[in-house]
């Protein structure tokens, strides 16, 4: 007897029973061939998806650091418009 069901497709059009499997396939495809012989990409893709919250938090922290770095660079550039003076380390007087 025929039954209905739900399936998921990755970007290449491959069918998967779960959304997780389809997403892992897409991630592995983006990573490409990793390692000699059988690719490590599917395992890495699975770990990326499993640790998604941690990875997103790391990227958010990274974005914050990049913004802070841009502010520091802008402050240095405005203090020295030509940006051609190097700061020497301070040395004790002899």
PDB file of N, CA and C in Angstrom:
ATOM      1  N   UNK A   1       0.845  -1.171   0.000  1.00  0.00           N
ATOM      2  CA  UNK A   1       0.000   0.000   0.000  1.00  0.00           C
ATOM      3  C   UNK A   1       0.896   1.240   0.000  1.00  0.00           C
ATOM      4  N   UNK A   2       0.536   2.230  -0.769  1.00  0.00           N
ATOM      5  CA  UNK A   2       1.297   3.478  -0.856  1.00  0.00           C
ATOM      6  C   UNK A   2       1.073   4.309   0.399  1.00  0.00           C
ATOM      7  N   UNK A   3       2.137   5.007   0.794  1.00  0.00           N
ATOM      8  CA  UNK A   3       2.053   5.899   1.956  1.00  0.00           C
ATOM      9  C   UNK A   3       2.700   7.222   1.597  1.00  0.00           C
ATOM     10  N   UNK A   4       2.360   8.220   2.332  1.00  0.00           N
ATOM     11  CA  UNK A   4       2.991   9.511   2.142  1.00  0.00           C
ATOM     12  C   UNK A   4       4.093   9.667   3.174  1.00  0.00           C
ATOM     13  N   UNK A   5       5.023  10.534   2.887  1.00  0.00           N
ATOM     14  CA  UNK A   5       6.108  10.770   3.824  1.00  0.00           C
ATOM     15  C   UNK A   5       6.737  12.122   3.574  1.00  0.00           C
ATOM     16  N   UNK A   6       7.643  12.467   4.454  1.00  0.00           N
ATOM     17  CA  UNK A   6       8.350  13.736   4.341  1.00  0.00           C
ATOM     18  C   UNK A   6       9.813  13.438   4.093  1.00  0.00           C
ATOM     19  N   UNK A   7      10.387  14.181   3.186  1.00  0.00           N
ATOM     20  CA  UNK A   7      11.799  14.034   2.905  1.00  0.00           C
ATOM     21  C   UNK A   7      12.439  15.390   2.720  1.00  0.00           C
ATOM     22  N   UNK A   8      13.746  15.392   2.691  1.00  0.00           N
ATOM     23  CA  UNK A   8      14.499  16.633   2.559  1.00  0.00           C
ATOM     24  C   UNK A   8      15.547  16.447   1.473  1.00  0.00           C
ATOM     25  N   UNK A   9      15.821  17.503   0.767  1.00  0.00           N
ATOM     26  CA  UNK A   9      16.784  17.451  -0.323  1.00  0.00           C
ATOM     27  C   UNK A   9      17.926  18.420  -0.043  1.00  0.00           C
ATOM     28  N   UNK A  10      19.156  17.987  -0.336  1.00  0.00           N
ATOM     29  CA  UNK A  10      20.283  18.905  -0.216  1.00  0.00           C
ATOM     30  C   UNK A  10      20.354  19.758  -1.479  1.00  0.00           C
ATOM     31  N   UNK A  11      21.329  20.596  -1.586  1.00  0.00           N
ATOM     32  CA  UNK A  11      21.427  21.521  -2.721  1.00  0.00           C
ATOM     33  C   UNK A  11      21.714  20.811  -4.040  1.00  0.00           C
ATOM     34  N   UNK A  12      22.241  19.611  -3.957  1.00  0.00           N
ATOM     35  CA  UNK A  12      22.507  18.836  -5.174  1.00  0.00           C
ATOM     36  C   UNK A  12      21.288  18.032  -5.613  1.00  0.00           C
ATOM     37  N   UNK A  13      20.252  18.024  -4.797  1.00  0.00           N
ATOM     38  CA  UNK A  13      19.040  17.298  -5.131  1.00  0.00           C
ATOM     39  C   UNK A  13      18.979  15.890  -4.569  1.00  0.00           C
ATOM     40  N   UNK A  14      19.935  15.529  -3.718  1.00  0.00           N
ATOM     41  CA  UNK A  14      19.923  14.211  -3.090  1.00  0.00           C
ATOM     42  C   UNK A  14      18.862  14.175  -1.993  1.00  0.00           C
ATOM     43  N   UNK A  15      18.151  13.058  -1.885  1.00  0.00           N
ATOM     44  CA  UNK A  15      17.062  12.891  -0.926  1.00  0.00           C
ATOM     45  C   UNK A  15      17.591  12.371   0.407  1.00  0.00           C
ATOM     46  N   UNK A  16      17.064  12.913   1.498  1.00  0.00           N
ATOM     47  CA  UNK A  16      17.410  12.477   2.853  1.00  0.00           C
ATOM     48  C   UNK A  16      16.131  12.369   3.674  1.00  0.00           C
ATOM     49  N   UNK A  17      16.140  11.460   4.621  1.00  0.00           N
ATOM     50  CA  UNK A  17      14.974  11.276   5.479  1.00  0.00           C
ATOM     51  C   UNK A  17      14.849  12.357   6.536  1.00  0.00           C
ATOM     52  N   UNK A  18      15.992  12.961   6.953  1.00  0.00           N
ATOM     53  CA  UNK A  18      15.948  13.985   7.996  1.00  0.00           C
ATOM     54  C   UNK A  18      16.575  15.280   7.492  1.00  0.00           C
ATOM     55  N   UNK A  19      16.133  16.373   8.067  1.00  0.00           N
ATOM     56  CA  UNK A  19      16.707  17.674   7.725  1.00  0.00           C
ATOM     57  C   UNK A  19      18.179  17.731   8.130  1.00  0.00           C
ATOM     58  N   UNK A  20      18.512  17.099   9.266  1.00  0.00           N
ATOM     59  CA  UNK A  20      19.899  17.084   9.731  1.00  0.00           C
ATOM     60  C   UNK A  20      20.814  16.449   8.696  1.00  0.00           C
ATOM     61  N   UNK A  21      20.404  15.319   8.133  1.00  0.00           N
ATOM     62  CA  UNK A  21      21.230  14.634   7.148  1.00  0.00           C
ATOM     63  C   UNK A  21      21.407  15.473   5.878  1.00  0.00           C
ATOM     64  N   UNK A  22      20.356  16.154   5.455  1.00  0.00           N
ATOM     65  CA  UNK A  22      20.456  17.010   4.271  1.00  0.00           C
ATOM     66  C   UNK A  22      21.393  18.186   4.532  1.00  0.00           C
ATOM     67  N   UNK A  23      21.317  18.771   5.712  1.00  0.00           N
ATOM     68  CA  UNK A  23      22.182  19.893   6.064  1.00  0.00           C
ATOM     69  C   UNK A  23      23.632  19.443   6.173  1.00  0.00           C
ATOM     70  N   UNK A  24      23.864  18.287   6.776  1.00  0.00           N
ATOM     71  CA  UNK A  24      25.224  17.756   6.870  1.00  0.00           C
ATOM     72  C   UNK A  24      25.793  17.537   5.475  1.00  0.00           C
ATOM     73  N   UNK A  25      24.976  17.045   4.565  1.00  0.00           N
ATOM     74  CA  UNK A  25      25.421  16.847   3.187  1.00  0.00           C
ATOM     75  C   UNK A  25      25.824  18.171   2.537  1.00  0.00           C
ATOM     76  N   UNK A  26      25.012  19.214   2.746  1.00  0.00           N
ATOM     77  CA  UNK A  26      25.347  20.531   2.192  1.00  0.00           C
ATOM     78  C   UNK A  26      26.633  21.081   2.798  1.00  0.00           C
ATOM     79  N   UNK A  27      26.787  20.963   4.118  1.00  0.00           N
ATOM     80  CA  UNK A  27      28.007  21.432   4.773  1.00  0.00           C
ATOM     81  C   UNK A  27      29.235  20.679   4.256  1.00  0.00           C
ATOM     82  N   UNK A  28      29.123  19.368   4.133  1.00  0.00           N
ATOM     83  CA  UNK A  28      30.230  18.555   3.632  1.00  0.00           C
ATOM     84  C   UNK A  28      30.590  18.969   2.212  1.00  0.00           C
ATOM     85  N   UNK A  29      29.580  19.279   1.414  1.00  0.00           N
ATOM     86  CA  UNK A  29      29.835  19.740   0.046  1.00  0.00           C
ATOM     87  C   UNK A  29      30.584  21.062   0.018  1.00  0.00           C
ATOM     88  N   UNK A  30      30.252  21.961   0.939  1.00  0.00           N
ATOM     89  CA  UNK A  30      30.956  23.244   1.011  1.00  0.00           C
ATOM     90  C   UNK A  30      32.394  23.054   1.466  1.00  0.00           C
ATOM     91  N   UNK A  31      32.628  22.103   2.372  1.00  0.00           N
ATOM     92  CA  UNK A  31      33.980  21.858   2.864  1.00  0.00           C
ATOM     93  C   UNK A  31      34.855  21.204   1.810  1.00  0.00           C
ATOM     94  N   UNK A  32      34.272  20.399   0.947  1.00  0.00           N
ATOM     95  CA  UNK A  32      35.027  19.719  -0.093  1.00  0.00           C
ATOM     96  C   UNK A  32      35.792  18.525   0.455  1.00  0.00           C
ATOM     97  N   UNK A  33      36.737  18.054  -0.322  1.00  0.00           N
ATOM     98  CA  UNK A  33      37.542  16.882   0.049  1.00  0.00           C
ATOM     99  C   UNK A  33      38.533  17.279   1.135  1.00  0.00           C
ATOM    100  N   UNK A  34      38.477  16.591   2.258  1.00  0.00           N
ATOM    101  CA  UNK A  34      39.411  16.828   3.357  1.00  0.00           C
ATOM    102  C   UNK A  34      40.097  15.509   3.662  1.00  0.00           C
ATOM    103  N   UNK A  35      41.397  15.498   3.567  1.00  0.00           N
ATOM    104  CA  UNK A  35      42.163  14.293   3.874  1.00  0.00           C
ATOM    105  C   UNK A  35      42.378  13.420   2.658  1.00  0.00           C
ATOM    106  N   UNK A  36      43.196  12.416   2.848  1.00  0.00           N
ATOM    107  CA  UNK A  36      43.485  11.446   1.794  1.00  0.00           C
ATOM    108  C   UNK A  36      42.441  10.345   1.828  1.00  0.00           C
ATOM    109  N   UNK A  37      42.123   9.796   0.683  1.00  0.00           N
ATOM    110  CA  UNK A  37      41.138   8.708   0.630  1.00  0.00           C
ATOM    111  C   UNK A  37      39.746   9.225   0.897  1.00  0.00           C
ATOM    112  N   UNK A  38      39.033   8.537   1.777  1.00  0.00           N
ATOM    113  CA  UNK A  38      37.671   8.951   2.108  1.00  0.00           C
ATOM    114  C   UNK A  38      37.708  10.283   2.851  1.00  0.00           C
ATOM    115  N   UNK A  39      36.896  11.222   2.407  1.00  0.00           N
ATOM    116  CA  UNK A  39      36.909  12.569   2.967  1.00  0.00           C
ATOM    117  C   UNK A  39      36.452  12.595   4.423  1.00  0.00           C
ATOM    118  N   UNK A  40      37.078  13.479   5.191  1.00  0.00           N
ATOM    119  CA  UNK A  40      36.672  13.705   6.573  1.00  0.00           C
ATOM    120  C   UNK A  40      35.547  14.739   6.672  1.00  0.00           C
ATOM    121  N   UNK A  41      35.199  15.349   5.532  1.00  0.00           N
ATOM    122  CA  UNK A  41      34.212  16.432   5.516  1.00  0.00           C
ATOM    123  C   UNK A  41      32.866  16.051   6.128  1.00  0.00           C
ATOM    124  N   UNK A  42      32.295  14.876   5.847  1.00  0.00           N
ATOM    125  CA  UNK A  42      30.995  14.564   6.463  1.00  0.00           C
ATOM    126  C   UNK A  42      31.053  14.539   7.991  1.00  0.00           C
ATOM    127  N   UNK A  43      32.112  13.999   8.561  1.00  0.00           N
ATOM    128  CA  UNK A  43      32.240  13.976  10.022  1.00  0.00           C
ATOM    129  C   UNK A  43      32.415  15.368  10.594  1.00  0.00           C
ATOM    130  N   UNK A  44      33.207  16.185   9.909  1.00  0.00           N
ATOM    131  CA  UNK A  44      33.413  17.566  10.350  1.00  0.00           C
ATOM    132  C   UNK A  44      32.103  18.340  10.229  1.00  0.00           C
ATOM    133  N   UNK A  45      31.384  18.128   9.132  1.00  0.00           N
ATOM    134  CA  UNK A  45      30.100  18.806   8.942  1.00  0.00           C
ATOM    135  C   UNK A  45      29.121  18.431  10.048  1.00  0.00           C
ATOM    136  N   UNK A  46      29.094  17.160  10.425  1.00  0.00           N
ATOM    137  CA  UNK A  46      28.212  16.713  11.507  1.00  0.00           C
ATOM    138  C   UNK A  46      28.574  17.421  12.815  1.00  0.00           C
ATOM    139  N   UNK A  47      29.875  17.530  13.113  1.00  0.00           N
ATOM    140  CA  UNK A  47      30.313  18.194  14.345  1.00  0.00           C
ATOM    141  C   UNK A  47      29.974  19.688  14.311  1.00  0.00           C
ATOM    142  N   UNK A  48      30.115  20.320  13.147  1.00  0.00           N
ATOM    143  CA  UNK A  48      29.754  21.735  13.026  1.00  0.00           C
ATOM    144  C   UNK A  48      28.273  21.943  13.356  1.00  0.00           C
ATOM    145  N   UNK A  49      27.441  21.075  12.817  1.00  0.00           N
ATOM    146  CA  UNK A  49      26.008  21.204  13.066  1.00  0.00           C
ATOM    147  C   UNK A  49      25.681  20.907  14.527  1.00  0.00           C
ATOM    148  N   UNK A  50      26.332  19.912  15.092  1.00  0.00           N
ATOM    149  CA  UNK A  50      26.093  19.529  16.481  1.00  0.00           C
ATOM    150  C   UNK A  50      26.502  20.644  17.446  1.00  0.00           C
ATOM    151  N   UNK A  51      27.575  21.347  17.116  1.00  0.00           N
ATOM    152  CA  UNK A  51      28.090  22.411  17.996  1.00  0.00           C
ATOM    153  C   UNK A  51      27.747  23.805  17.478  1.00  0.00           C
ATOM    154  N   UNK A  52      26.666  23.896  16.766  1.00  0.00           N
ATOM    155  CA  UNK A  52      26.265  25.147  16.118  1.00  0.00           C
ATOM    156  C   UNK A  52      26.191  26.325  17.090  1.00  0.00           C
ATOM    157  N   UNK A  53      25.579  26.142  18.241  1.00  0.00           N
ATOM    158  CA  UNK A  53      25.416  27.246  19.198  1.00  0.00           C
ATOM    159  C   UNK A  53      26.775  27.768  19.646  1.00  0.00           C
ATOM    160  N   UNK A  54      27.695  26.867  19.941  1.00  0.00           N
ATOM    161  CA  UNK A  54      29.034  27.279  20.361  1.00  0.00           C
ATOM    162  C   UNK A  54      29.755  28.019  19.234  1.00  0.00           C
ATOM    163  N   UNK A  55      29.611  27.513  18.017  1.00  0.00           N
ATOM    164  CA  UNK A  55      30.275  28.129  16.862  1.00  0.00           C
ATOM    165  C   UNK A  55      29.695  29.510  16.604  1.00  0.00           C
ATOM    166  N   UNK A  56      28.373  29.645  16.676  1.00  0.00           N
ATOM    167  CA  UNK A  56      27.762  30.958  16.465  1.00  0.00           C
ATOM    168  C   UNK A  56      28.211  31.950  17.536  1.00  0.00           C
ATOM    169  N   UNK A  57      28.360  31.475  18.782  1.00  0.00           N
ATOM    170  CA  UNK A  57      28.831  32.350  19.858  1.00  0.00           C
ATOM    171  C   UNK A  57      30.269  32.801  19.569  1.00  0.00           C
ATOM    172  N   UNK A  58      31.116  31.877  19.090  1.00  0.00           N
ATOM    173  CA  UNK A  58      32.495  32.232  18.751  1.00  0.00           C
ATOM    174  C   UNK A  58      32.542  33.268  17.631  1.00  0.00           C
ATOM    175  N   UNK A  59      31.691  33.094  16.604  1.00  0.00           N
ATOM    176  CA  UNK A  59      31.660  34.068  15.517  1.00  0.00           C
ATOM    177  C   UNK A  59      31.154  35.425  16.001  1.00  0.00           C
ATOM    178  N   UNK A  60      30.206  35.438  16.921  1.00  0.00           N
ATOM    179  CA  UNK A  60      29.731  36.705  17.481  1.00  0.00           C
ATOM    180  C   UNK A  60      30.847  37.404  18.250  1.00  0.00           C
ATOM    181  N   UNK A  61      31.605  36.628  19.036  1.00  0.00           N
ATOM    182  CA  UNK A  61      32.747  37.199  19.755  1.00  0.00           C
ATOM    183  C   UNK A  61      33.797  37.702  18.774  1.00  0.00           C
ATOM    184  N   UNK A  62      34.008  36.959  17.705  1.00  0.00           N
ATOM    185  CA  UNK A  62      34.975  37.362  16.676  1.00  0.00           C
ATOM    186  C   UNK A  62      34.546  38.685  16.037  1.00  0.00           C
ATOM    187  N   UNK A  63      33.263  38.812  15.714  1.00  0.00           N
ATOM    188  CA  UNK A  63      32.757  40.057  15.129  1.00  0.00           C
ATOM    189  C   UNK A  63      32.946  41.227  16.083  1.00  0.00           C
ATOM    190  N   UNK A  64      32.731  40.999  17.378  1.00  0.00           N
ATOM    191  CA  UNK A  64      32.947  42.048  18.373  1.00  0.00           C
ATOM    192  C   UNK A  64      34.409  42.468  18.403  1.00  0.00           C
ATOM    193  N   UNK A  65      35.317  41.493  18.378  1.00  0.00           N
ATOM    194  CA  UNK A  65      36.745  41.813  18.383  1.00  0.00           C
ATOM    195  C   UNK A  65      37.150  42.576  17.126  1.00  0.00           C
ATOM    196  N   UNK A  66      36.587  42.202  15.973  1.00  0.00           N
ATOM    197  CA  UNK A  66      36.896  42.927  14.738  1.00  0.00           C
ATOM    198  C   UNK A  66      36.432  44.379  14.821  1.00  0.00           C
ATOM    199  N   UNK A  67      35.256  44.594  15.408  1.00  0.00           N
ATOM    200  CA  UNK A  67      34.756  45.964  15.565  1.00  0.00           C
ATOM    201  C   UNK A  67      35.656  46.763  16.497  1.00  0.00           C
ATOM    202  N   UNK A  68      36.110  46.139  17.603  1.00  0.00           N
ATOM    203  CA  UNK A  68      37.016  46.820  18.531  1.00  0.00           C
ATOM    204  C   UNK A  68      38.347  47.129  17.848  1.00  0.00           C
ATOM    205  N   UNK A  69      38.829  46.196  17.046  1.00  0.00           N
ATOM    206  CA  UNK A  69      40.084  46.398  16.325  1.00  0.00           C
ATOM    207  C   UNK A  69      39.963  47.565  15.352  1.00  0.00           C
ATOM    208  N   UNK A  70      38.826  47.682  14.664  1.00  0.00           N
ATOM    209  CA  UNK A  70      38.614  48.787  13.724  1.00  0.00           C
ATOM    210  C   UNK A  70      38.609  50.119  14.452  1.00  0.00           C
ATOM    211  N   UNK A  71      38.009  50.159  15.641  1.00  0.00           N
ATOM    212  CA  UNK A  71      37.987  51.392  16.432  1.00  0.00           C
ATOM    213  C   UNK A  71      39.409  51.773  16.843  1.00  0.00           C
ATOM    214  N   UNK A  72      40.196  50.783  17.279  1.00  0.00           N
ATOM    215  CA  UNK A  72      41.577  51.070  17.686  1.00  0.00           C
ATOM    216  C   UNK A  72      42.406  51.555  16.507  1.00  0.00           C
ATOM    217  N   UNK A  73      42.231  50.952  15.325  1.00  0.00           N
ATOM    218  CA  UNK A  73      42.965  51.384  14.137  1.00  0.00           C
ATOM    219  C   UNK A  73      42.576  52.802  13.756  1.00  0.00           C
ATOM    220  N   UNK A  74      41.287  53.104  13.848  1.00  0.00           N
ATOM    221  CA  UNK A  74      40.823  54.447  13.516  1.00  0.00           C
ATOM    222  C   UNK A  74      41.400  55.464  14.488  1.00  0.00           C
ATOM    223  N   UNK A  75      41.493  55.121  15.761  1.00  0.00           N
ATOM    224  CA  UNK A  75      42.054  56.039  16.753  1.00  0.00           C
ATOM    225  C   UNK A  75      43.533  56.276  16.481  1.00  0.00           C
ATOM    226  N   UNK A  76      44.263  55.226  16.123  1.00  0.00           N
ATOM    227  CA  UNK A  76      45.689  55.396  15.808  1.00  0.00           C
ATOM    228  C   UNK A  76      45.871  56.240  14.563  1.00  0.00           C
ATOM    229  N   UNK A  77      45.043  56.026  13.564  1.00  0.00           N
ATOM    230  CA  UNK A  77      45.158  56.769  12.312  1.00  0.00           C
ATOM    231  C   UNK A  77      44.840  58.239  12.528  1.00  0.00           C
ATOM    232  N   UNK A  78      43.847  58.552  13.357  1.00  0.00           N
ATOM    233  CA  UNK A  78      43.496  59.954  13.593  1.00  0.00           C
ATOM    234  C   UNK A  78      44.566  60.654  14.431  1.00  0.00           C
ATOM    235  N   UNK A  79      45.265  59.926  15.285  1.00  0.00           N
ATOM    236  CA  UNK A  79      46.331  60.518  16.093  1.00  0.00           C
ATOM    237  C   UNK A  79      47.557  60.804  15.234  1.00  0.00           C
ATOM    238  N   UNK A  80      47.822  59.980  14.250  1.00  0.00           N
ATOM    239  CA  UNK A  80      48.964  60.145  13.350  1.00  0.00           C
ATOM    240  C   UNK A  80      48.450  60.037  11.922  1.00  0.00           C
ATOM    241  N   UNK A  81      48.042  61.163  11.312  1.00  0.00           N
ATOM    242  CA  UNK A  81      47.407  61.112  10.000  1.00  0.00           C
ATOM    243  C   UNK A  81      48.277  60.430   8.929  1.00  0.00           C
ATOM    244  N   UNK A  82      49.584  60.583   9.009  1.00  0.00           N
ATOM    245  CA  UNK A  82      50.448  59.954   8.013  1.00  0.00           C
ATOM    246  C   UNK A  82      50.772  58.513   8.375  1.00  0.00           C
ATOM    247  N   UNK A  83      50.519  58.151   9.612  1.00  0.00           N
ATOM    248  CA  UNK A  83      50.751  56.791  10.100  1.00  0.00           C
ATOM    249  C   UNK A  83      52.165  56.322   9.776  1.00  0.00           C
ATOM    250  N   UNK A  84      53.138  57.239   9.943  1.00  0.00           N
ATOM    251  CA  UNK A  84      54.506  56.867   9.610  1.00  0.00           C
ATOM    252  C   UNK A  84      55.470  57.030  10.783  1.00  0.00           C
ATOM    253  N   UNK A  85      54.943  57.111  11.971  1.00  0.00           N
ATOM    254  CA  UNK A  85      55.795  57.237  13.151  1.00  0.00           C
ATOM    255  C   UNK A  85      55.659  55.972  13.980  1.00  0.00           C
ATOM    256  N   UNK A  86      56.780  55.303  14.162  1.00  0.00           N
ATOM    257  CA  UNK A  86      56.759  54.080  14.952  1.00  0.00           C
ATOM    258  C   UNK A  86      57.001  54.395  16.412  1.00  0.00           C
ATOM    259  N   UNK A  87      56.300  53.737  17.295  1.00  0.00           N
ATOM    260  CA  UNK A  87      56.492  53.903  18.716  1.00  0.00           C
ATOM    261  C   UNK A  87      57.654  53.019  19.155  1.00  0.00           C
ATOM    262  N   UNK A  88      58.662  53.613  19.790  1.00  0.00           N
ATOM    263  CA  UNK A  88      59.780  52.866  20.298  1.00  0.00           C
ATOM    264  C   UNK A  88      59.482  52.426  21.723  1.00  0.00           C
ATOM    265  N   UNK A  89      59.975  51.263  22.108  1.00  0.00           N
ATOM    266  CA  UNK A  89      59.768  50.853  23.490  1.00  0.00           C
ATOM    267  C   UNK A  89      60.542  51.786  24.424  1.00  0.00           C
ATOM    268  N   UNK A  90      59.963  52.089  25.563  1.00  0.00           N
ATOM    269  CA  UNK A  90      60.639  52.987  26.494  1.00  0.00           C
ATOM    270  C   UNK A  90      61.804  52.243  27.144  1.00  0.00           C
ATOM    271  N   UNK A  91      62.916  52.975  27.295  1.00  0.00           N
ATOM    272  CA  UNK A  91      64.125  52.386  27.906  1.00  0.00           C
ATOM    273  C   UNK A  91      64.496  53.228  29.121  1.00  0.00           C
ATOM    274  N   UNK A  92      65.064  52.587  30.117  1.00  0.00           N
ATOM    275  CA  UNK A  92      65.488  53.357  31.282  1.00  0.00           C
ATOM    276  C   UNK A  92      66.663  54.272  30.924  1.00  0.00           C
ATOM    277  N   UNK A  93      66.709  55.451  31.548  1.00  0.00           N
ATOM    278  CA  UNK A  93      67.809  56.398  31.304  1.00  0.00           C
ATOM    279  C   UNK A  93      69.086  55.853  31.932  1.00  0.00           C
ATOM    280  N   UNK A  94      70.218  56.069  31.261  1.00  0.00           N
ATOM    281  CA  UNK A  94      71.524  55.605  31.786  1.00  0.00           C
ATOM    282  C   UNK A  94      72.204  56.672  32.558  1.00  0.00           C
TER     283      UNK A  94
END
